[in-house]
Amino acid sequence: DGRRKVWQLIWKCDIPPSVRNFAWRVAVDSLPTWKNKHKRGLETSYLCPLCATEAEDNFHPFVHCPLGRELWYSMMEVWSLPDIDTIKHTGREW
């Protein structure tokens, strides 16, 4: 309904509009993940096409996929990011 703090964080953040839009799409589970495309009959599999270890949902490529984890660790060398193991999937809007 637009009153949650995550919306304020996304929409008021001083970042390019495309990044805000991407963050919003992650938050509302509207990315074209293989799981979402499979649900709509657009893909035959819901598994991550890179690692094939689990379903590619909004959480997997950023936190669970081995390639996503490598990217996270590389970004940690440049930016102050939280430890990836502290990020928990607590539901649709993790």
PDB file of N, CA and C in Angstrom:
ATOM      1  N   ASP A   1       0.808  -1.199   0.000  1.00  0.00           N
ATOM      2  CA  ASP A   1       0.000   0.000   0.000  1.00  0.00           C
ATOM      3  C   ASP A   1       0.849   1.260   0.000  1.00  0.00           C
ATOM      4  N   GLY A   2       2.162   1.108  -0.117  1.00  0.00           N
ATOM      5  CA  GLY A   2       3.033   2.279  -0.214  1.00  0.00           C
ATOM      6  C   GLY A   2       3.464   2.864   1.106  1.00  0.00           C
ATOM      7  N   ARG A   3       3.043   2.301   2.241  1.00  0.00           N
ATOM      8  CA  ARG A   3       3.397   2.878   3.536  1.00  0.00           C
ATOM      9  C   ARG A   3       4.559   2.157   4.204  1.00  0.00           C
ATOM     10  N   ARG A   4       5.076   1.118   3.606  1.00  0.00           N
ATOM     11  CA  ARG A   4       6.180   0.392   4.218  1.00  0.00           C
ATOM     12  C   ARG A   4       7.492   1.148   4.039  1.00  0.00           C
ATOM     13  N   LYS A   5       8.385   0.992   4.986  1.00  0.00           N
ATOM     14  CA  LYS A   5       9.658   1.712   4.960  1.00  0.00           C
ATOM     15  C   LYS A   5      10.502   1.329   3.755  1.00  0.00           C
ATOM     16  N   VAL A   6      10.366   0.086   3.277  1.00  0.00           N
ATOM     17  CA  VAL A   6      11.165  -0.331   2.124  1.00  0.00           C
ATOM     18  C   VAL A   6      10.839   0.521   0.909  1.00  0.00           C
ATOM     19  N   TRP A   7       9.566   0.915   0.752  1.00  0.00           N
ATOM     20  CA  TRP A   7       9.204   1.755  -0.401  1.00  0.00           C
ATOM     21  C   TRP A   7       9.859   3.125  -0.277  1.00  0.00           C
ATOM     22  N   GLN A   8       9.857   3.691   0.917  1.00  0.00           N
ATOM     23  CA  GLN A   8      10.497   4.991   1.119  1.00  0.00           C
ATOM     24  C   GLN A   8      11.987   4.894   0.820  1.00  0.00           C
ATOM     25  N   LEU A   9      12.603   3.806   1.275  1.00  0.00           N
ATOM     26  CA  LEU A   9      14.026   3.606   1.031  1.00  0.00           C
ATOM     27  C   LEU A   9      14.308   3.525  -0.466  1.00  0.00           C
ATOM     28  N   ILE A  10      13.493   2.780  -1.188  1.00  0.00           N
ATOM     29  CA  ILE A  10      13.711   2.616  -2.630  1.00  0.00           C
ATOM     30  C   ILE A  10      13.456   3.915  -3.385  1.00  0.00           C
ATOM     31  N   TRP A  11      12.287   4.504  -3.180  1.00  0.00           N
ATOM     32  CA  TRP A  11      11.890   5.636  -4.025  1.00  0.00           C
ATOM     33  C   TRP A  11      12.577   6.948  -3.668  1.00  0.00           C
ATOM     34  N   LYS A  12      13.067   7.103  -2.451  1.00  0.00           N
ATOM     35  CA  LYS A  12      13.731   8.347  -2.071  1.00  0.00           C
ATOM     36  C   LYS A  12      15.253   8.265  -2.160  1.00  0.00           C
ATOM     37  N   CYS A  13      15.772   7.099  -2.494  1.00  0.00           N
ATOM     38  CA  CYS A  13      17.214   6.910  -2.581  1.00  0.00           C
ATOM     39  C   CYS A  13      17.778   7.688  -3.770  1.00  0.00           C
ATOM     40  N   ASP A  14      18.922   8.300  -3.575  1.00  0.00           N
ATOM     41  CA  ASP A  14      19.555   9.109  -4.619  1.00  0.00           C
ATOM     42  C   ASP A  14      20.364   8.209  -5.560  1.00  0.00           C
ATOM     43  N   ILE A  15      19.646   7.470  -6.384  1.00  0.00           N
ATOM     44  CA  ILE A  15      20.247   6.561  -7.358  1.00  0.00           C
ATOM     45  C   ILE A  15      19.511   6.736  -8.684  1.00  0.00           C
ATOM     46  N   PRO A  16      20.081   6.243  -9.769  1.00  0.00           N
ATOM     47  CA  PRO A  16      19.399   6.369 -11.062  1.00  0.00           C
ATOM     48  C   PRO A  16      18.028   5.687 -11.047  1.00  0.00           C
ATOM     49  N   PRO A  17      17.070   6.232 -11.796  1.00  0.00           N
ATOM     50  CA  PRO A  17      15.726   5.659 -11.830  1.00  0.00           C
ATOM     51  C   PRO A  17      15.704   4.180 -12.221  1.00  0.00           C
ATOM     52  N   SER A  18      16.587   3.766 -13.104  1.00  0.00           N
ATOM     53  CA  SER A  18      16.603   2.357 -13.510  1.00  0.00           C
ATOM     54  C   SER A  18      16.981   1.445 -12.341  1.00  0.00           C
ATOM     55  N   VAL A  19      17.861   1.917 -11.459  1.00  0.00           N
ATOM     56  CA  VAL A  19      18.253   1.132 -10.288  1.00  0.00           C
ATOM     57  C   VAL A  19      17.093   1.077  -9.288  1.00  0.00           C
ATOM     58  N   ARG A  20      16.399   2.210  -9.113  1.00  0.00           N
ATOM     59  CA  ARG A  20      15.210   2.221  -8.248  1.00  0.00           C
ATOM     60  C   ARG A  20      14.166   1.243  -8.767  1.00  0.00           C
ATOM     61  N   ASN A  21      13.941   1.257 -10.079  1.00  0.00           N
ATOM     62  CA  ASN A  21      12.964   0.360 -10.677  1.00  0.00           C
ATOM     63  C   ASN A  21      13.364  -1.103 -10.466  1.00  0.00           C
ATOM     64  N   PHE A  22      14.648  -1.408 -10.636  1.00  0.00           N
ATOM     65  CA  PHE A  22      15.127  -2.767 -10.419  1.00  0.00           C
ATOM     66  C   PHE A  22      14.916  -3.189  -8.971  1.00  0.00           C
ATOM     67  N   ALA A  23      15.252  -2.330  -8.024  1.00  0.00           N
ATOM     68  CA  ALA A  23      15.061  -2.647  -6.596  1.00  0.00           C
ATOM     69  C   ALA A  23      13.591  -2.890  -6.293  1.00  0.00           C
ATOM     70  N   TRP A  24      12.713  -2.084  -6.873  1.00  0.00           N
ATOM     71  CA  TRP A  24      11.282  -2.273  -6.670  1.00  0.00           C
ATOM     72  C   TRP A  24      10.833  -3.613  -7.235  1.00  0.00           C
ATOM     73  N   ARG A  25      11.342  -3.962  -8.436  1.00  0.00           N
ATOM     74  CA  ARG A  25      10.966  -5.239  -9.048  1.00  0.00           C
ATOM     75  C   ARG A  25      11.460  -6.420  -8.220  1.00  0.00           C
ATOM     76  N   VAL A  26      12.619  -6.278  -7.597  1.00  0.00           N
ATOM     77  CA  VAL A  26      13.096  -7.337  -6.695  1.00  0.00           C
ATOM     78  C   VAL A  26      12.146  -7.448  -5.506  1.00  0.00           C
ATOM     79  N   ALA A  27      11.773  -6.308  -4.924  1.00  0.00           N
ATOM     80  CA  ALA A  27      10.925  -6.290  -3.730  1.00  0.00           C
ATOM     81  C   ALA A  27       9.541  -6.871  -3.975  1.00  0.00           C
ATOM     82  N   VAL A  28       9.003  -6.715  -5.178  1.00  0.00           N
ATOM     83  CA  VAL A  28       7.637  -7.208  -5.439  1.00  0.00           C
ATOM     84  C   VAL A  28       7.633  -8.499  -6.250  1.00  0.00           C
ATOM     85  N   ASP A  29       8.785  -9.134  -6.390  1.00  0.00           N
ATOM     86  CA  ASP A  29       8.904 -10.423  -7.088  1.00  0.00           C
ATOM     87  C   ASP A  29       8.391 -10.346  -8.520  1.00  0.00           C
ATOM     88  N   SER A  30       8.798  -9.332  -9.256  1.00  0.00           N
ATOM     89  CA  SER A  30       8.355  -9.217 -10.646  1.00  0.00           C
ATOM     90  C   SER A  30       9.506  -9.319 -11.647  1.00  0.00           C
ATOM     91  N   LEU A  31      10.658  -9.790 -11.197  1.00  0.00           N
ATOM     92  CA  LEU A  31      11.752 -10.013 -12.132  1.00  0.00           C
ATOM     93  C   LEU A  31      11.438 -11.235 -12.988  1.00  0.00           C
ATOM     94  N   PRO A  32      11.945 -11.272 -14.211  1.00  0.00           N
ATOM     95  CA  PRO A  32      11.685 -12.435 -15.067  1.00  0.00           C
ATOM     96  C   PRO A  32      12.602 -13.610 -14.717  1.00  0.00           C
ATOM     97  N   THR A  33      12.475 -14.080 -13.484  1.00  0.00           N
ATOM     98  CA  THR A  33      13.275 -15.229 -13.055  1.00  0.00           C
ATOM     99  C   THR A  33      12.742 -16.483 -13.730  1.00  0.00           C
ATOM    100  N   TRP A  34      13.551 -17.534 -13.724  1.00  0.00           N
ATOM    101  CA  TRP A  34      13.107 -18.785 -14.342  1.00  0.00           C
ATOM    102  C   TRP A  34      11.913 -19.352 -13.594  1.00  0.00           C
ATOM    103  N   LYS A  35      11.860 -19.146 -12.301  1.00  0.00           N
ATOM    104  CA  LYS A  35      10.703 -19.631 -11.533  1.00  0.00           C
ATOM    105  C   LYS A  35       9.432 -18.900 -11.972  1.00  0.00           C
ATOM    106  N   ASN A  36       9.500 -17.575 -12.118  1.00  0.00           N
ATOM    107  CA  ASN A  36       8.331 -16.810 -12.558  1.00  0.00           C
ATOM    108  C   ASN A  36       7.942 -17.158 -13.996  1.00  0.00           C
ATOM    109  N   LYS A  37       8.941 -17.332 -14.871  1.00  0.00           N
ATOM    110  CA  LYS A  37       8.635 -17.689 -16.259  1.00  0.00           C
ATOM    111  C   LYS A  37       8.072 -19.107 -16.348  1.00  0.00           C
ATOM    112  N   HIS A  38       8.587 -20.010 -15.530  1.00  0.00           N
ATOM    113  CA  HIS A  38       8.072 -21.391 -15.500  1.00  0.00           C
ATOM    114  C   HIS A  38       6.614 -21.404 -15.037  1.00  0.00           C
ATOM    115  N   LYS A  39       6.322 -20.590 -14.046  1.00  0.00           N
ATOM    116  CA  LYS A  39       4.966 -20.488 -13.523  1.00  0.00           C
ATOM    117  C   LYS A  39       3.979 -20.044 -14.613  1.00  0.00           C
ATOM    118  N   ARG A  40       4.450 -19.248 -15.536  1.00  0.00           N
ATOM    119  CA  ARG A  40       3.599 -18.733 -16.623  1.00  0.00           C
ATOM    120  C   ARG A  40       3.681 -19.579 -17.894  1.00  0.00           C
ATOM    121  N   GLY A  41       4.405 -20.689 -17.815  1.00  0.00           N
ATOM    122  CA  GLY A  41       4.512 -21.578 -18.958  1.00  0.00           C
ATOM    123  C   GLY A  41       5.495 -21.127 -20.024  1.00  0.00           C
ATOM    124  N   LEU A  42       6.405 -20.212 -19.672  1.00  0.00           N
ATOM    125  CA  LEU A  42       7.373 -19.697 -20.632  1.00  0.00           C
ATOM    126  C   LEU A  42       8.691 -20.473 -20.618  1.00  0.00           C
ATOM    127  N   GLU A  43       8.941 -21.239 -19.588  1.00  0.00           N
ATOM    128  CA  GLU A  43      10.146 -22.056 -19.471  1.00  0.00           C
ATOM    129  C   GLU A  43       9.750 -23.456 -19.037  1.00  0.00           C
ATOM    130  N   THR A  44      10.540 -24.435 -19.455  1.00  0.00           N
ATOM    131  CA  THR A  44      10.241 -25.820 -19.077  1.00  0.00           C
ATOM    132  C   THR A  44      10.808 -26.163 -17.704  1.00  0.00           C
ATOM    133  N   SER A  45      11.792 -25.419 -17.254  1.00  0.00           N
ATOM    134  CA  SER A  45      12.411 -25.676 -15.955  1.00  0.00           C
ATOM    135  C   SER A  45      12.403 -24.400 -15.124  1.00  0.00           C
ATOM    136  N   TYR A  46      12.400 -24.555 -13.825  1.00  0.00           N
ATOM    137  CA  TYR A  46      12.478 -23.417 -12.921  1.00  0.00           C
ATOM    138  C   TYR A  46      13.854 -23.312 -12.276  1.00  0.00           C
ATOM    139  N   LEU A  47      14.757 -24.253 -12.600  1.00  0.00           N
ATOM    140  CA  LEU A  47      16.090 -24.255 -12.000  1.00  0.00           C
ATOM    141  C   LEU A  47      16.957 -23.141 -12.575  1.00  0.00           C
ATOM    142  N   CYS A  48      17.855 -22.650 -11.755  1.00  0.00           N
ATOM    143  CA  CYS A  48      18.810 -21.620 -12.175  1.00  0.00           C
ATOM    144  C   CYS A  48      19.582 -22.121 -13.390  1.00  0.00           C
ATOM    145  N   PRO A  49      19.606 -21.360 -14.472  1.00  0.00           N
ATOM    146  CA  PRO A  49      20.317 -21.813 -15.670  1.00  0.00           C
ATOM    147  C   PRO A  49      21.839 -21.815 -15.518  1.00  0.00           C
ATOM    148  N   LEU A  50      22.365 -21.160 -14.481  1.00  0.00           N
ATOM    149  CA  LEU A  50      23.815 -21.101 -14.296  1.00  0.00           C
ATOM    150  C   LEU A  50      24.355 -22.219 -13.419  1.00  0.00           C
ATOM    151  N   CYS A  51      23.637 -22.535 -12.332  1.00  0.00           N
ATOM    152  CA  CYS A  51      24.159 -23.547 -11.409  1.00  0.00           C
ATOM    153  C   CYS A  51      23.269 -24.789 -11.328  1.00  0.00           C
ATOM    154  N   ALA A  52      22.006 -24.668 -11.690  1.00  0.00           N
ATOM    155  CA  ALA A  52      21.037 -25.775 -11.685  1.00  0.00           C
ATOM    156  C   ALA A  52      20.942 -26.492 -10.342  1.00  0.00           C
ATOM    157  N   THR A  53      21.161 -25.749  -9.260  1.00  0.00           N
ATOM    158  CA  THR A  53      21.095 -26.372  -7.938  1.00  0.00           C
ATOM    159  C   THR A  53      19.772 -26.132  -7.226  1.00  0.00           C
ATOM    160  N   GLU A  54      19.075 -25.057  -7.582  1.00  0.00           N
ATOM    161  CA  GLU A  54      17.773 -24.762  -6.974  1.00  0.00           C
ATOM    162  C   GLU A  54      16.998 -23.810  -7.860  1.00  0.00           C
ATOM    163  N   ALA A  55      15.755 -23.559  -7.485  1.00  0.00           N
ATOM    164  CA  ALA A  55      14.899 -22.675  -8.272  1.00  0.00           C
ATOM    165  C   ALA A  55      15.482 -21.267  -8.315  1.00  0.00           C
ATOM    166  N   GLU A  56      15.419 -20.655  -9.497  1.00  0.00           N
ATOM    167  CA  GLU A  56      15.886 -19.278  -9.625  1.00  0.00           C
ATOM    168  C   GLU A  56      14.715 -18.348  -9.316  1.00  0.00           C
ATOM    169  N   ASP A  57      14.630 -17.953  -8.050  1.00  0.00           N
ATOM    170  CA  ASP A  57      13.647 -16.961  -7.633  1.00  0.00           C
ATOM    171  C   ASP A  57      14.381 -15.636  -7.430  1.00  0.00           C
ATOM    172  N   ASN A  58      13.724 -14.651  -6.849  1.00  0.00           N
ATOM    173  CA  ASN A  58      14.368 -13.353  -6.632  1.00  0.00           C
ATOM    174  C   ASN A  58      15.560 -13.427  -5.686  1.00  0.00           C
ATOM    175  N   PHE A  59      15.579 -14.382  -4.791  1.00  0.00           N
ATOM    176  CA  PHE A  59      16.620 -14.480  -3.778  1.00  0.00           C
ATOM    177  C   PHE A  59      17.856 -15.221  -4.295  1.00  0.00           C
ATOM    178  N   HIS A  60      17.628 -16.285  -5.037  1.00  0.00           N
ATOM    179  CA  HIS A  60      18.710 -17.183  -5.455  1.00  0.00           C
ATOM    180  C   HIS A  60      19.882 -16.497  -6.161  1.00  0.00           C
ATOM    181  N   PRO A  61      19.672 -15.720  -7.232  1.00  0.00           N
ATOM    182  CA  PRO A  61      20.837 -15.187  -7.945  1.00  0.00           C
ATOM    183  C   PRO A  61      21.679 -14.215  -7.130  1.00  0.00           C
ATOM    184  N   PHE A  62      21.095 -13.600  -6.133  1.00  0.00           N
ATOM    185  CA  PHE A  62      21.835 -12.616  -5.340  1.00  0.00           C
ATOM    186  C   PHE A  62      22.523 -13.215  -4.127  1.00  0.00           C
ATOM    187  N   VAL A  63      21.991 -14.315  -3.590  1.00  0.00           N
ATOM    188  CA  VAL A  63      22.496 -14.829  -2.320  1.00  0.00           C
ATOM    189  C   VAL A  63      22.924 -16.302  -2.372  1.00  0.00           C
ATOM    190  N   HIS A  64      22.201 -17.153  -3.070  1.00  0.00           N
ATOM    191  CA  HIS A  64      22.504 -18.581  -3.047  1.00  0.00           C
ATOM    192  C   HIS A  64      23.338 -19.089  -4.221  1.00  0.00           C
ATOM    193  N   CYS A  65      23.154 -18.529  -5.391  1.00  0.00           N
ATOM    194  CA  CYS A  65      23.868 -19.004  -6.579  1.00  0.00           C
ATOM    195  C   CYS A  65      25.383 -18.798  -6.384  1.00  0.00           C
ATOM    196  N   PRO A  66      26.183 -19.819  -6.661  1.00  0.00           N
ATOM    197  CA  PRO A  66      27.634 -19.663  -6.484  1.00  0.00           C
ATOM    198  C   PRO A  66      28.207 -18.490  -7.280  1.00  0.00           C
ATOM    199  N   LEU A  67      27.714 -18.237  -8.471  1.00  0.00           N
ATOM    200  CA  LEU A  67      28.223 -17.110  -9.257  1.00  0.00           C
ATOM    201  C   LEU A  67      27.795 -15.776  -8.655  1.00  0.00           C
ATOM    202  N   GLY A  68      26.583 -15.708  -8.147  1.00  0.00           N
ATOM    203  CA  GLY A  68      26.125 -14.496  -7.477  1.00  0.00           C
ATOM    204  C   GLY A  68      26.919 -14.213  -6.211  1.00  0.00           C
ATOM    205  N   ARG A  69      27.259 -15.275  -5.494  1.00  0.00           N
ATOM    206  CA  ARG A  69      28.062 -15.119  -4.281  1.00  0.00           C
ATOM    207  C   ARG A  69      29.459 -14.582  -4.619  1.00  0.00           C
ATOM    208  N   GLU A  70      30.034 -15.089  -5.702  1.00  0.00           N
ATOM    209  CA  GLU A  70      31.352 -14.598  -6.129  1.00  0.00           C
ATOM    210  C   GLU A  70      31.288 -13.106  -6.440  1.00  0.00           C
ATOM    211  N   LEU A  71      30.227 -12.699  -7.125  1.00  0.00           N
ATOM    212  CA  LEU A  71      30.049 -11.280  -7.424  1.00  0.00           C
ATOM    213  C   LEU A  71      29.931 -10.471  -6.140  1.00  0.00           C
ATOM    214  N   TRP A  72      29.144 -10.975  -5.186  1.00  0.00           N
ATOM    215  CA  TRP A  72      28.957 -10.284  -3.905  1.00  0.00           C
ATOM    216  C   TRP A  72      30.303 -10.081  -3.215  1.00  0.00           C
ATOM    217  N   TYR A  73      31.112 -11.144  -3.167  1.00  0.00           N
ATOM    218  CA  TYR A  73      32.412 -11.037  -2.498  1.00  0.00           C
ATOM    219  C   TYR A  73      33.332 -10.061  -3.227  1.00  0.00           C
ATOM    220  N   SER A  74      33.258 -10.014  -4.547  1.00  0.00           N
ATOM    221  CA  SER A  74      34.055  -9.042  -5.302  1.00  0.00           C
ATOM    222  C   SER A  74      33.608  -7.623  -4.984  1.00  0.00           C
ATOM    223  N   MET A  75      32.301  -7.409  -4.887  1.00  0.00           N
ATOM    224  CA  MET A  75      31.794  -6.077  -4.559  1.00  0.00           C
ATOM    225  C   MET A  75      32.160  -5.681  -3.137  1.00  0.00           C
ATOM    226  N   MET A  76      32.277  -6.657  -2.228  1.00  0.00           N
ATOM    227  CA  MET A  76      32.661  -6.364  -0.843  1.00  0.00           C
ATOM    228  C   MET A  76      34.071  -5.784  -0.761  1.00  0.00           C
ATOM    229  N   GLU A  77      34.898  -6.076  -1.757  1.00  0.00           N
ATOM    230  CA  GLU A  77      36.254  -5.533  -1.772  1.00  0.00           C
ATOM    231  C   GLU A  77      36.259  -4.033  -2.051  1.00  0.00           C
ATOM    232  N   VAL A  78      35.183  -3.542  -2.671  1.00  0.00           N
ATOM    233  CA  VAL A  78      35.101  -2.130  -3.042  1.00  0.00           C
ATOM    234  C   VAL A  78      34.159  -1.361  -2.119  1.00  0.00           C
ATOM    235  N   TRP A  79      33.008  -1.969  -1.806  1.00  0.00           N
ATOM    236  CA  TRP A  79      31.978  -1.305  -1.012  1.00  0.00           C
ATOM    237  C   TRP A  79      31.774  -2.001   0.315  1.00  0.00           C
ATOM    238  N   SER A  80      31.233  -1.265   1.254  1.00  0.00           N
ATOM    239  CA  SER A  80      30.912  -1.819   2.563  1.00  0.00           C
ATOM    240  C   SER A  80      29.556  -2.523   2.480  1.00  0.00           C
ATOM    241  N   LEU A  81      29.580  -3.812   2.261  1.00  0.00           N
ATOM    242  CA  LEU A  81      28.362  -4.619   2.170  1.00  0.00           C
ATOM    243  C   LEU A  81      28.297  -5.566   3.356  1.00  0.00           C
ATOM    244  N   PRO A  82      27.087  -5.951   3.770  1.00  0.00           N
ATOM    245  CA  PRO A  82      26.987  -6.910   4.869  1.00  0.00           C
ATOM    246  C   PRO A  82      27.463  -8.289   4.424  1.00  0.00           C
ATOM    247  N   ASP A  83      27.836  -9.098   5.381  1.00  0.00           N
ATOM    248  CA  ASP A  83      28.215 -10.473   5.084  1.00  0.00           C
ATOM    249  C   ASP A  83      27.022 -11.168   4.438  1.00  0.00           C
ATOM    250  N   ILE A  84      27.250 -11.811   3.331  1.00  0.00           N
ATOM    251  CA  ILE A  84      26.162 -12.429   2.575  1.00  0.00           C
ATOM    252  C   ILE A  84      25.426 -13.497   3.393  1.00  0.00           C
ATOM    253  N   ASP A  85      26.119 -14.140   4.313  1.00  0.00           N
ATOM    254  CA  ASP A  85      25.486 -15.189   5.122  1.00  0.00           C
ATOM    255  C   ASP A  85      24.524 -14.628   6.161  1.00  0.00           C
ATOM    256  N   THR A  86      24.520 -13.321   6.369  1.00  0.00           N
ATOM    257  CA  THR A  86      23.572 -12.723   7.320  1.00  0.00           C
ATOM    258  C   THR A  86      22.247 -12.360   6.647  1.00  0.00           C
ATOM    259  N   ILE A  87      22.202 -12.444   5.310  1.00  0.00           N
ATOM    260  CA  ILE A  87      20.980 -12.111   4.584  1.00  0.00           C
ATOM    261  C   ILE A  87      20.088 -13.345   4.543  1.00  0.00           C
ATOM    262  N   LYS A  88      18.910 -13.217   5.087  1.00  0.00           N
ATOM    263  CA  LYS A  88      17.986 -14.350   5.202  1.00  0.00           C
ATOM    264  C   LYS A  88      16.760 -14.127   4.336  1.00  0.00           C
ATOM    265  N   HIS A  89      16.272 -15.210   3.785  1.00  0.00           N
ATOM    266  CA  HIS A  89      15.041 -15.175   2.996  1.00  0.00           C
ATOM    267  C   HIS A  89      13.891 -15.342   3.971  1.00  0.00           C
ATOM    268  N   THR A  90      13.184 -14.268   4.230  1.00  0.00           N
ATOM    269  CA  THR A  90      12.094 -14.303   5.224  1.00  0.00           C
ATOM    270  C   THR A  90      10.731 -14.208   4.577  1.00  0.00           C
ATOM    271  N   GLY A  91      10.686 -14.420   3.278  1.00  0.00           N
ATOM    272  CA  GLY A  91       9.424 -14.336   2.577  1.00  0.00           C
ATOM    273  C   GLY A  91       9.578 -13.573   1.284  1.00  0.00           C
ATOM    274  N   ARG A  92       8.486 -13.242   0.691  1.00  0.00           N
ATOM    275  CA  ARG A  92       8.502 -12.621  -0.620  1.00  0.00           C
ATOM    276  C   ARG A  92       9.270 -11.312  -0.634  1.00  0.00           C
ATOM    277  N   GLU A  93       9.173 -10.531   0.412  1.00  0.00           N
ATOM    278  CA  GLU A  93       9.869  -9.232   0.460  1.00  0.00           C
ATOM    279  C   GLU A  93      11.043  -9.291   1.425  1.00  0.00           C
ATOM    280  N   TRP A  94      11.992 -10.144   1.154  1.00  0.00           N
ATOM    281  CA  TRP A  94      13.153 -10.322   2.019  1.00  0.00           C
ATOM    282  C   TRP A  94      13.973  -9.077   2.050  1.00  0.00           C
TER     283      TRP A  94
END
